Amino acid sequence: MNATADNNSGRAGLTVGAPDNKMNGKKQSPPSAQHIYDRLKALYGTGKLLASFENIEDTFPKILSLCVGTFPFFTAVLIRRKLRTVTTSAWHVERTEPKRTGLAILRAKEAFIYLAESSAGEASALRDEVISARKIEGSFAPDEKAARGQDHYFSLPLAVDHLPAFGVLQFEGSQTLDEGDLEFVSALAGLFSIGIDRFHKMQMERMLRENEAEESLMKLSSVEAHVTNLEAERELREKFVALLTHDLRTPLSAIRLNAHMIQLRGEENPGIIPKLSARIISSVDRADRMITDLLDANRIRSGEELPLDVEHFDLSELVRKTVEELRILHGDRFKYENPVSIAGYWDPRGIRRILENLCNNAVKYGSPESAIDIQVARNPGGVELTVHNWGNPISHEDQKFLFQQFRRSRKAEVGGKKGWGIGLTLVLGETEAHGGTVQLESELETGTTFTVQFPIDARPRD
């Protein structure tokens, strides 16, 4: 019997092998009531198993065990497509020759290529795929010798709702197959199509729910981390405001005290007025620097670039003068060998601010017994300014956020060193405004080195 049945798109929906009794002129005997009952019972059991199955590998052998008593077969092959993956599964009853099983798998693959309209890539992969067939339990033991040389098989497409076939179900019988066998196998194929399609949809829905749950969890974690960061930032701001209030009170108190002295003694002792006035001016300048630093740090935080007042000068000479002023404040701790003249275009106030903040940090957190080494040199990209000190290194964890506003190293917090936590923020902001970069290296064996690099000409380009 060689026949085809039309499928949805005009392609063959069925391939059948072996001559049938009608073609040989033999009259088929009608099936008995018990035989019909057994097949209906097998279909009912198949429907129950497919209603709640979790995987084909465990469920399919149970279905075949139900069918084997009412529909004697040697092999069963199931090929199915899920998205871009094609899976082949094969089963056989006892005493089935491996050669017969291998032939059944090859037939099923050819049927899938034809009935499911597989792509060239799928067809190639199927031909190269090696499948190990598994034995199923059942009461039927086929007579291999009696069936030798005969081909009795059905290959039916798996399809749902008039859509293109997504797979193939194939049975190979141990005797001549008739129309009743075809109806039974067609019913099985219909149940398999609905069950597998439903299973795949449930899997996709479960995956979508899991992905949504995972995304929700990630969003929740992100929100929690953001809230934690906000709380930490609020705490830092509160500490900063308290410290700022304390530090600003010092120059304001000095201004008030000196102004009061002028008011009380200025008339009787005019000679003290210039001295007290100088102290007032110095305190005002100090308060002004504090406020300017704070405003600039907030400007950097908001993503703005610091303005530059660029002029032409000798960088080496500026560094020398700044180091001399630092020696007056902190003693003779600074080592600086004045190199050859390095002239260029920069903002002198900004360069001074970079150097002062780096040197103040080195004094505050470095070893008091060791010198602070300052160097200036030309390099192929422009100019390099380095400040090196010895002492306990800055941890790699602290280095990640050391240039952030209000952030200080754990060593600084624990050690009780006073500071606003904006000095290195200003160093980074001034350096980037000059078109440069800042690098930090801190190890116990080599000490701590801040390296600032910027171009020889920081004038803005049109």
Protein backbone atom coordinates (compact mmCIF):
# COMPACT_ATOMS: atom_id res chain seq x y z
CA MET A 1 0.00 0.00 0.00
CA ASN A 2 1.58 3.28 -1.10
CA ALA A 3 -0.69 6.25 -0.48
CA THR A 4 -0.68 9.94 0.45
CA ALA A 5 -3.23 12.18 2.11
CA ASP A 6 -3.38 15.95 1.57
CA ASN A 7 -2.12 18.17 4.40
CA ASN A 8 -2.75 21.90 5.01
CA SER A 9 -0.62 23.34 2.24
CA GLY A 10 -1.04 20.64 -0.37
CA ARG A 11 2.00 18.71 0.82
CA ALA A 12 1.65 15.02 1.59
CA GLY A 13 0.28 14.52 5.08
CA LEU A 14 0.84 10.78 5.32
CA THR A 15 3.33 8.24 4.07
CA VAL A 16 2.40 4.58 4.17
CA GLY A 17 4.42 1.47 3.34
CA ALA A 18 3.41 -2.14 2.49
CA PRO A 19 0.58 -3.54 0.34
CA ASP A 20 -2.85 -3.69 1.94
CA ASN A 21 -5.45 -6.45 1.74
CA LYS A 22 -7.74 -4.49 -0.58
CA MET A 23 -5.04 -4.16 -3.19
CA ASN A 24 -4.46 -7.97 -3.02
CA GLY A 25 -8.13 -8.69 -3.41
CA LYS A 26 -8.47 -10.14 0.06
CA LYS A 27 -11.44 -9.21 2.19
CA GLN A 28 -10.62 -7.63 5.52
CA SER A 29 -12.32 -9.12 8.56
CA PRO A 30 -14.16 -6.49 10.66
CA PRO A 31 -12.60 -5.70 14.04
CA SER A 32 -14.18 -7.31 17.08
CA ALA A 33 -15.97 -5.30 19.76
CA GLN A 34 -13.22 -6.18 22.23
CA HIS A 35 -10.56 -4.94 19.80
CA ILE A 36 -12.40 -1.64 19.36
CA TYR A 37 -12.81 -1.33 23.14
CA ASP A 38 -9.11 -1.99 23.72
CA ARG A 39 -8.13 0.72 21.25
CA LEU A 40 -10.55 3.25 22.73
CA LYS A 41 -9.18 2.39 26.17
CA ALA A 42 -5.63 2.94 24.89
CA LEU A 43 -6.62 6.33 23.41
CA TYR A 44 -8.34 7.32 26.66
CA GLY A 45 -5.24 6.39 28.68
CA THR A 46 -3.06 8.29 26.21
CA GLY A 47 -5.21 11.40 26.65
CA LYS A 48 -4.92 11.20 30.44
CA LEU A 49 -1.12 10.84 30.29
CA LEU A 50 -0.78 13.76 27.88
CA ALA A 51 -3.02 16.02 29.96
CA SER A 52 -0.40 16.54 32.63
CA PHE A 53 2.90 15.16 31.35
CA GLU A 54 6.14 16.96 32.22
CA ASN A 55 8.50 15.43 29.70
CA ILE A 56 8.19 13.21 26.67
CA GLU A 57 11.02 10.86 27.69
CA ASP A 58 9.05 9.58 30.72
CA THR A 59 5.51 9.79 29.33
CA PHE A 60 5.93 8.40 25.81
CA PRO A 61 7.07 4.88 26.88
CA LYS A 62 3.97 4.61 29.11
CA ILE A 63 1.76 5.52 26.15
CA LEU A 64 3.47 2.96 23.93
CA SER A 65 3.00 0.29 26.59
CA LEU A 66 -0.75 1.02 26.49
CA CYS A 67 -0.82 0.74 22.70
CA VAL A 68 1.38 -2.29 22.15
CA GLY A 69 -1.30 -4.81 23.13
CA THR A 70 -3.92 -3.48 20.73
CA PHE A 71 -1.64 -2.34 17.90
CA PRO A 72 1.33 -4.71 17.50
CA PHE A 73 4.40 -2.82 16.34
CA PHE A 74 8.18 -3.17 16.23
CA THR A 75 9.25 0.48 16.46
CA ALA A 76 7.89 3.94 17.23
CA VAL A 77 9.73 7.13 16.24
CA LEU A 78 8.83 10.69 17.27
CA ILE A 79 10.49 13.71 15.65
CA ARG A 80 9.47 17.18 16.80
CA ARG A 81 10.56 20.77 16.27
CA LYS A 82 10.68 23.33 19.07
CA LEU A 83 11.77 26.78 17.94
CA ARG A 84 15.08 26.09 16.16
CA THR A 85 15.72 22.71 17.78
CA VAL A 86 14.68 19.38 16.24
CA THR A 87 14.62 16.33 18.54
CA THR A 88 14.39 12.67 17.49
CA SER A 89 13.30 9.92 19.91
CA ALA A 90 12.92 6.23 19.08
CA TRP A 91 11.62 3.17 20.95
CA HIS A 92 11.34 -0.57 20.15
CA VAL A 93 9.82 -3.67 21.67
CA GLU A 94 11.78 -6.73 22.76
CA ARG A 95 13.73 -8.82 20.25
CA THR A 96 13.64 -6.10 17.58
CA GLU A 97 16.74 -6.28 15.41
CA PRO A 98 18.92 -3.13 15.59
CA LYS A 99 18.96 -3.00 11.79
CA ARG A 100 15.18 -2.69 11.70
CA THR A 101 15.23 0.07 14.31
CA GLY A 102 17.89 1.99 12.39
CA LEU A 103 15.86 1.71 9.18
CA ALA A 104 12.75 2.97 10.97
CA ILE A 105 14.66 6.05 12.20
CA LEU A 106 15.90 6.81 8.68
CA ARG A 107 12.33 6.56 7.32
CA ALA A 108 11.04 8.87 10.02
CA LYS A 109 13.71 11.44 9.23
CA GLU A 110 12.86 11.38 5.54
CA ALA A 111 9.18 11.75 6.43
CA PHE A 112 9.92 14.74 8.66
CA ILE A 113 11.94 16.44 5.94
CA TYR A 114 9.05 15.94 3.54
CA LEU A 115 5.96 16.39 5.73
CA ALA A 116 7.23 19.13 8.07
CA GLU A 117 8.92 21.08 5.27
CA SER A 118 12.21 21.25 7.17
CA SER A 119 14.95 23.65 6.18
CA ALA A 120 18.19 22.59 4.58
CA GLY A 121 20.00 23.04 7.90
CA GLU A 122 17.47 20.88 9.76
CA ALA A 123 17.62 18.19 7.09
CA SER A 124 21.42 18.10 7.24
CA ALA A 125 21.41 17.95 11.05
CA LEU A 126 18.83 15.14 11.04
CA ARG A 127 20.84 13.04 8.63
CA ASP A 128 23.94 13.43 10.80
CA GLU A 129 22.11 12.88 14.09
CA VAL A 130 22.76 9.61 15.91
CA ILE A 131 19.81 8.30 17.95
CA SER A 132 19.97 5.46 20.45
CA ALA A 133 16.57 3.72 20.54
CA ARG A 134 15.23 2.52 23.89
CA LYS A 135 13.24 -0.60 24.73
CA ILE A 136 9.65 -0.32 25.97
CA GLU A 137 7.73 -2.67 28.21
CA GLY A 138 4.72 -4.54 26.81
CA SER A 139 2.95 -7.87 26.54
CA PHE A 140 3.53 -8.20 22.81
CA ALA A 141 6.62 -9.98 21.44
CA PRO A 142 6.71 -9.58 17.64
CA ASP A 143 7.52 -12.39 15.27
CA GLU A 144 10.56 -10.90 13.54
CA LYS A 145 10.91 -13.93 11.26
CA ALA A 146 7.33 -13.75 9.99
CA ALA A 147 7.62 -10.01 9.24
CA ARG A 148 11.02 -10.18 7.61
CA GLY A 149 11.06 -8.59 4.17
CA GLN A 150 7.80 -6.72 4.77
CA ASP A 151 7.31 -2.97 5.28
CA HIS A 152 4.26 -2.07 7.36
CA TYR A 153 4.53 1.50 8.66
CA PHE A 154 2.65 4.77 9.01
CA SER A 155 4.36 8.23 9.13
CA LEU A 156 1.92 10.95 10.13
CA PRO A 157 2.51 14.72 10.53
CA LEU A 158 2.02 16.44 13.90
CA ALA A 159 0.09 19.68 13.39
CA VAL A 160 -2.39 21.87 15.31
CA ASP A 161 -5.04 24.34 14.14
CA HIS A 162 -4.26 24.06 10.42
CA LEU A 163 -0.71 25.25 11.01
CA PRO A 164 2.31 23.69 9.27
CA ALA A 165 3.44 20.39 10.74
CA PHE A 166 5.98 20.64 13.57
CA GLY A 167 6.84 16.95 13.75
CA VAL A 168 6.26 13.37 12.67
CA LEU A 169 4.91 10.27 14.45
CA GLN A 170 5.81 6.91 12.88
CA PHE A 171 4.81 3.35 13.79
CA GLU A 172 6.08 0.20 12.12
CA GLY A 173 3.69 -2.73 12.46
CA SER A 174 4.53 -6.41 12.62
CA GLN A 175 1.74 -7.38 10.25
CA THR A 176 -0.15 -5.96 7.31
CA LEU A 177 -1.79 -2.67 8.28
CA ASP A 178 -5.38 -1.82 7.43
CA GLU A 179 -7.68 1.22 7.50
CA GLY A 180 -8.53 0.60 11.15
CA ASP A 181 -4.84 0.74 12.04
CA LEU A 182 -4.52 4.00 10.14
CA GLU A 183 -7.48 5.50 12.01
CA PHE A 184 -6.01 4.42 15.34
CA VAL A 185 -2.55 5.83 14.59
CA SER A 186 -4.12 9.04 13.21
CA ALA A 187 -6.01 9.47 16.46
CA LEU A 188 -2.79 8.95 18.39
CA ALA A 189 -1.03 11.54 16.21
CA GLY A 190 -3.82 14.03 16.92
CA LEU A 191 -3.53 13.51 20.66
CA PHE A 192 0.26 13.84 20.47
CA SER A 193 -0.02 17.06 18.48
CA ILE A 194 -2.36 18.69 20.98
CA GLY A 195 -0.45 17.40 24.01
CA ILE A 196 3.00 18.41 22.77
CA ASP A 197 1.79 21.80 21.53
CA ARG A 198 0.11 22.44 24.91
CA PHE A 199 3.25 21.32 26.74
CA HIS A 200 5.47 23.66 24.72
CA LYS A 201 3.11 26.58 25.30
CA MET A 202 3.09 25.89 29.03
CA GLN A 203 6.89 25.77 29.01
CA MET A 204 7.06 29.09 27.19
CA GLU A 205 4.59 30.64 29.63
CA ARG A 206 6.58 29.29 32.57
CA MET A 207 9.80 30.64 31.10
CA LEU A 208 8.15 34.04 30.57
CA ARG A 209 6.91 34.07 34.16
CA GLU A 210 10.34 33.07 35.44
CA ASN A 211 11.99 35.77 33.30
CA GLU A 212 9.48 38.35 34.55
CA ALA A 213 10.09 37.25 38.14
CA GLU A 214 13.84 37.44 37.61
CA GLU A 215 13.56 40.90 36.04
CA SER A 216 11.34 42.04 38.92
CA LEU A 217 13.87 40.69 41.42
CA MET A 218 16.70 42.45 39.60
CA LYS A 219 14.72 45.71 39.58
CA LEU A 220 13.95 45.29 43.28
CA SER A 221 17.62 44.63 44.02
CA SER A 222 18.57 47.68 41.97
CA VAL A 223 16.04 49.82 43.86
CA GLU A 224 17.28 48.50 47.20
CA ALA A 225 20.88 49.23 46.20
CA HIS A 226 19.86 52.71 45.08
CA VAL A 227 18.07 53.34 48.38
CA THR A 228 21.13 52.08 50.25
CA ASN A 229 23.36 54.42 48.25
CA LEU A 230 21.01 57.32 48.90
CA GLU A 231 21.02 56.60 52.61
CA ALA A 232 24.82 56.36 52.64
CA GLU A 233 25.06 59.58 50.66
CA ARG A 234 22.67 61.32 53.03
CA GLU A 235 24.81 60.25 55.96
CA LEU A 236 27.92 61.53 54.20
CA ARG A 237 26.23 64.82 53.44
CA GLU A 238 25.16 65.21 57.05
CA LYS A 239 28.72 64.58 58.21
CA PHE A 240 30.01 67.00 55.60
CA VAL A 241 27.56 69.75 56.60
CA ALA A 242 28.52 69.31 60.25
CA LEU A 243 32.22 69.49 59.36
CA LEU A 244 31.71 72.44 57.02
CA THR A 245 29.80 74.32 59.72
CA HIS A 246 32.59 73.70 62.17
CA ASP A 247 35.35 74.71 59.74
CA LEU A 248 33.58 77.84 58.56
CA ARG A 249 33.04 78.92 62.15
CA THR A 250 36.82 79.21 62.61
CA PRO A 251 37.51 82.00 60.04
CA LEU A 252 34.19 83.70 60.88
CA SER A 253 35.11 83.73 64.57
CA ALA A 254 38.54 85.17 63.71
CA ILE A 255 36.90 87.89 61.59
CA ARG A 256 34.50 88.78 64.38
CA LEU A 257 37.23 88.80 67.02
CA ASN A 258 39.59 91.00 65.03
CA ALA A 259 36.80 93.38 64.02
CA HIS A 260 35.77 93.66 67.65
CA MET A 261 39.40 94.43 68.63
CA ILE A 262 39.52 97.22 66.05
CA GLN A 263 36.28 98.60 67.44
CA LEU A 264 37.55 98.55 71.03
CA ARG A 265 41.19 99.60 70.62
CA GLY A 266 41.40 101.15 67.19
CA GLU A 267 41.03 104.70 68.42
CA GLU A 268 43.51 104.44 71.28
CA ASN A 269 46.01 102.30 69.37
CA PRO A 270 45.76 102.97 65.62
CA GLY A 271 48.95 100.96 64.99
CA ILE A 272 47.16 97.63 65.52
CA ILE A 273 44.56 98.30 62.82
CA PRO A 274 46.70 97.21 59.83
CA LYS A 275 47.67 93.97 61.63
CA LEU A 276 44.10 93.13 62.62
CA SER A 277 42.81 94.09 59.18
CA ALA A 278 45.30 91.69 57.58
CA ARG A 279 43.98 88.92 59.81
CA ILE A 280 40.44 89.73 58.78
CA ILE A 281 41.38 89.63 55.09
CA SER A 282 43.19 86.31 55.59
CA SER A 283 40.17 84.78 57.33
CA VAL A 284 37.83 86.07 54.61
CA ASP A 285 40.09 84.54 51.98
CA ARG A 286 40.07 81.24 53.82
CA ALA A 287 36.27 81.19 54.08
CA ASP A 288 36.03 82.16 50.42
CA ARG A 289 38.28 79.24 49.44
CA MET A 290 36.10 76.85 51.43
CA ILE A 291 32.93 78.07 49.72
CA THR A 292 34.59 78.05 46.30
CA ASP A 293 35.79 74.47 46.82
CA LEU A 294 32.32 73.36 47.82
CA LEU A 295 30.65 75.05 44.85
CA ASP A 296 33.23 73.62 42.44
CA ALA A 297 32.82 70.12 43.91
CA ASN A 298 29.03 70.32 43.40
CA ARG A 299 29.61 71.56 39.86
CA ILE A 300 31.83 68.55 39.16
CA ARG A 301 29.23 66.22 40.70
CA SER A 302 26.52 67.58 38.39
CA GLY A 303 28.70 66.85 35.36
CA GLU A 304 29.78 70.40 34.62
CA GLU A 305 33.35 71.20 33.61
CA LEU A 306 35.25 73.68 35.76
CA PRO A 307 35.99 76.99 34.00
CA LEU A 308 39.63 77.76 33.25
CA ASP A 309 41.45 81.07 33.13
CA VAL A 310 44.30 79.93 30.88
CA GLU A 311 47.53 81.86 30.54
CA HIS A 312 51.11 81.18 29.46
CA PHE A 313 53.60 80.48 32.30
CA ASP A 314 56.43 78.24 33.47
CA LEU A 315 54.97 75.17 35.21
CA SER A 316 58.25 74.30 36.96
CA GLU A 317 58.43 77.74 38.54
CA LEU A 318 54.79 77.58 39.70
CA VAL A 319 55.41 74.21 41.34
CA ARG A 320 58.56 75.58 43.05
CA LYS A 321 56.68 78.54 44.55
CA THR A 322 53.80 76.32 45.69
CA VAL A 323 56.20 73.88 47.36
CA GLU A 324 57.89 76.75 49.22
CA GLU A 325 54.52 77.89 50.59
CA LEU A 326 53.71 74.33 51.63
CA ARG A 327 57.04 74.11 53.49
CA ILE A 328 56.06 77.14 55.57
CA LEU A 329 52.87 75.34 56.63
CA HIS A 330 54.09 71.75 57.00
CA GLY A 331 57.84 71.98 57.43
CA ASP A 332 60.67 70.77 55.27
CA ARG A 333 59.00 67.50 54.18
CA PHE A 334 58.86 68.13 50.45
CA LYS A 335 61.50 66.95 48.00
CA TYR A 336 61.45 68.82 44.72
CA GLU A 337 64.33 69.24 42.32
CA ASN A 338 63.56 72.12 40.04
CA PRO A 339 63.83 70.77 36.49
CA VAL A 340 64.30 72.71 33.29
CA SER A 341 61.68 75.22 32.33
CA ILE A 342 58.39 73.73 31.07
CA ALA A 343 56.27 76.48 29.57
CA GLY A 344 52.71 76.01 28.37
CA TYR A 345 49.13 77.19 28.56
CA TRP A 346 47.22 76.28 31.73
CA ASP A 347 45.15 77.80 34.51
CA PRO A 348 47.68 78.61 37.29
CA ARG A 349 45.00 78.62 40.00
CA GLY A 350 43.82 75.16 38.86
CA ILE A 351 47.36 73.69 38.74
CA ARG A 352 48.11 75.10 42.18
CA ARG A 353 44.90 73.60 43.51
CA ILE A 354 45.81 70.15 42.13
CA LEU A 355 49.27 70.25 43.70
CA GLU A 356 48.09 71.63 47.06
CA ASN A 357 45.38 68.99 47.48
CA LEU A 358 47.70 66.12 46.57
CA CYS A 359 50.43 67.39 48.90
CA ASN A 360 47.98 68.03 51.76
CA ASN A 361 46.70 64.45 51.39
CA ALA A 362 50.28 63.14 51.46
CA VAL A 363 50.98 65.12 54.65
CA LYS A 364 47.73 64.02 56.29
CA TYR A 365 47.80 60.28 55.47
CA GLY A 366 51.45 59.51 54.64
CA SER A 367 54.29 58.52 56.94
CA PRO A 368 55.45 61.62 58.91
CA GLU A 369 59.06 60.36 58.90
CA SER A 370 59.30 60.11 55.10
CA ALA A 371 59.75 62.80 52.48
CA ILE A 372 57.05 63.67 49.98
CA ASP A 373 58.55 63.53 46.48
CA ILE A 374 57.23 65.90 43.79
CA GLN A 375 58.28 65.67 40.16
CA VAL A 376 57.39 67.47 36.94
CA ALA A 377 58.45 66.18 33.52
CA ARG A 378 57.63 66.41 29.85
CA ASN A 379 56.26 63.32 28.11
CA PRO A 380 55.13 62.62 24.53
CA GLY A 381 51.54 63.55 25.41
CA GLY A 382 52.31 66.75 27.30
CA VAL A 383 53.24 67.15 30.98
CA GLU A 384 53.33 64.72 33.92
CA LEU A 385 53.07 65.80 37.57
CA THR A 386 53.62 63.16 40.29
CA VAL A 387 53.28 63.27 44.08
CA HIS A 388 54.68 60.27 45.98
CA ASN A 389 54.63 59.43 49.67
CA TRP A 390 55.34 56.43 51.90
CA GLY A 391 53.02 54.97 54.52
CA ASN A 392 50.07 52.61 54.75
CA PRO A 393 48.73 51.99 51.23
CA ILE A 394 45.22 52.85 50.07
CA SER A 395 43.20 49.64 49.73
CA HIS A 396 41.99 48.58 46.28
CA GLU A 397 38.41 48.79 47.55
CA ASP A 398 38.86 52.42 48.66
CA GLN A 399 40.55 53.32 45.37
CA LYS A 400 37.29 52.57 43.50
CA PHE A 401 35.47 55.57 45.01
CA LEU A 402 38.29 57.76 46.31
CA PHE A 403 37.64 60.51 43.73
CA GLN A 404 33.90 60.66 44.49
CA GLN A 405 32.52 63.63 46.37
CA PHE A 406 32.30 63.30 50.19
CA ARG A 407 33.98 59.87 50.05
CA ARG A 408 37.05 59.17 52.15
CA SER A 409 39.08 56.02 52.69
CA ARG A 410 38.27 53.79 55.64
CA LYS A 411 41.73 54.52 57.03
CA ALA A 412 40.93 58.24 57.05
CA GLU A 413 37.55 57.70 58.72
CA VAL A 414 38.91 55.34 61.39
CA GLY A 415 42.02 57.44 61.98
CA GLY A 416 39.92 60.50 62.85
CA LYS A 417 41.64 62.74 60.30
CA LYS A 418 39.53 65.78 59.54
CA GLY A 419 38.54 66.36 55.95
CA TRP A 420 35.60 67.18 53.73
CA GLY A 421 36.17 64.40 51.24
CA ILE A 422 36.23 66.75 48.24
CA GLY A 423 39.97 67.34 47.79
CA LEU A 424 40.52 64.51 45.30
CA THR A 425 37.21 65.35 43.61
CA LEU A 426 38.64 68.79 42.89
CA VAL A 427 41.93 67.27 41.69
CA LEU A 428 40.03 65.12 39.21
CA GLY A 429 37.79 68.00 38.11
CA GLU A 430 40.66 70.43 37.53
CA THR A 431 42.67 67.76 35.68
CA GLU A 432 39.79 66.84 33.39
CA ALA A 433 39.08 70.52 32.74
CA HIS A 434 42.68 70.73 31.47
CA GLY A 435 42.03 67.70 29.24
CA GLY A 436 44.12 65.38 31.42
CA THR A 437 43.88 62.21 33.52
CA VAL A 438 44.69 61.11 37.08
CA GLN A 439 46.12 57.73 38.02
CA LEU A 440 46.67 56.23 41.46
CA GLU A 441 49.07 53.44 42.44
CA SER A 442 49.28 52.41 46.09
CA GLU A 443 51.20 49.39 47.37
CA LEU A 444 53.05 48.70 50.60
CA GLU A 445 56.32 48.01 48.75
CA THR A 446 56.23 51.04 46.44
CA GLY A 447 54.23 53.62 48.38
CA THR A 448 51.42 55.82 47.09
CA THR A 449 51.79 57.79 43.85
CA PHE A 450 49.29 60.15 42.23
CA THR A 451 50.16 60.83 38.58
CA VAL A 452 48.49 63.75 36.80
CA GLN A 453 48.93 64.08 33.05
CA PHE A 454 47.63 66.93 30.91
CA PRO A 455 48.47 68.48 27.54
CA ILE A 456 51.00 71.28 27.09
CA ASP A 457 48.21 73.57 25.83
CA ALA A 458 44.89 73.57 27.70
CA ARG A 459 43.34 76.39 25.71
CA PRO A 460 39.88 75.44 24.41
CA ARG A 461 39.66 74.38 20.78
CA ASP A 462 37.10 76.12 18.57
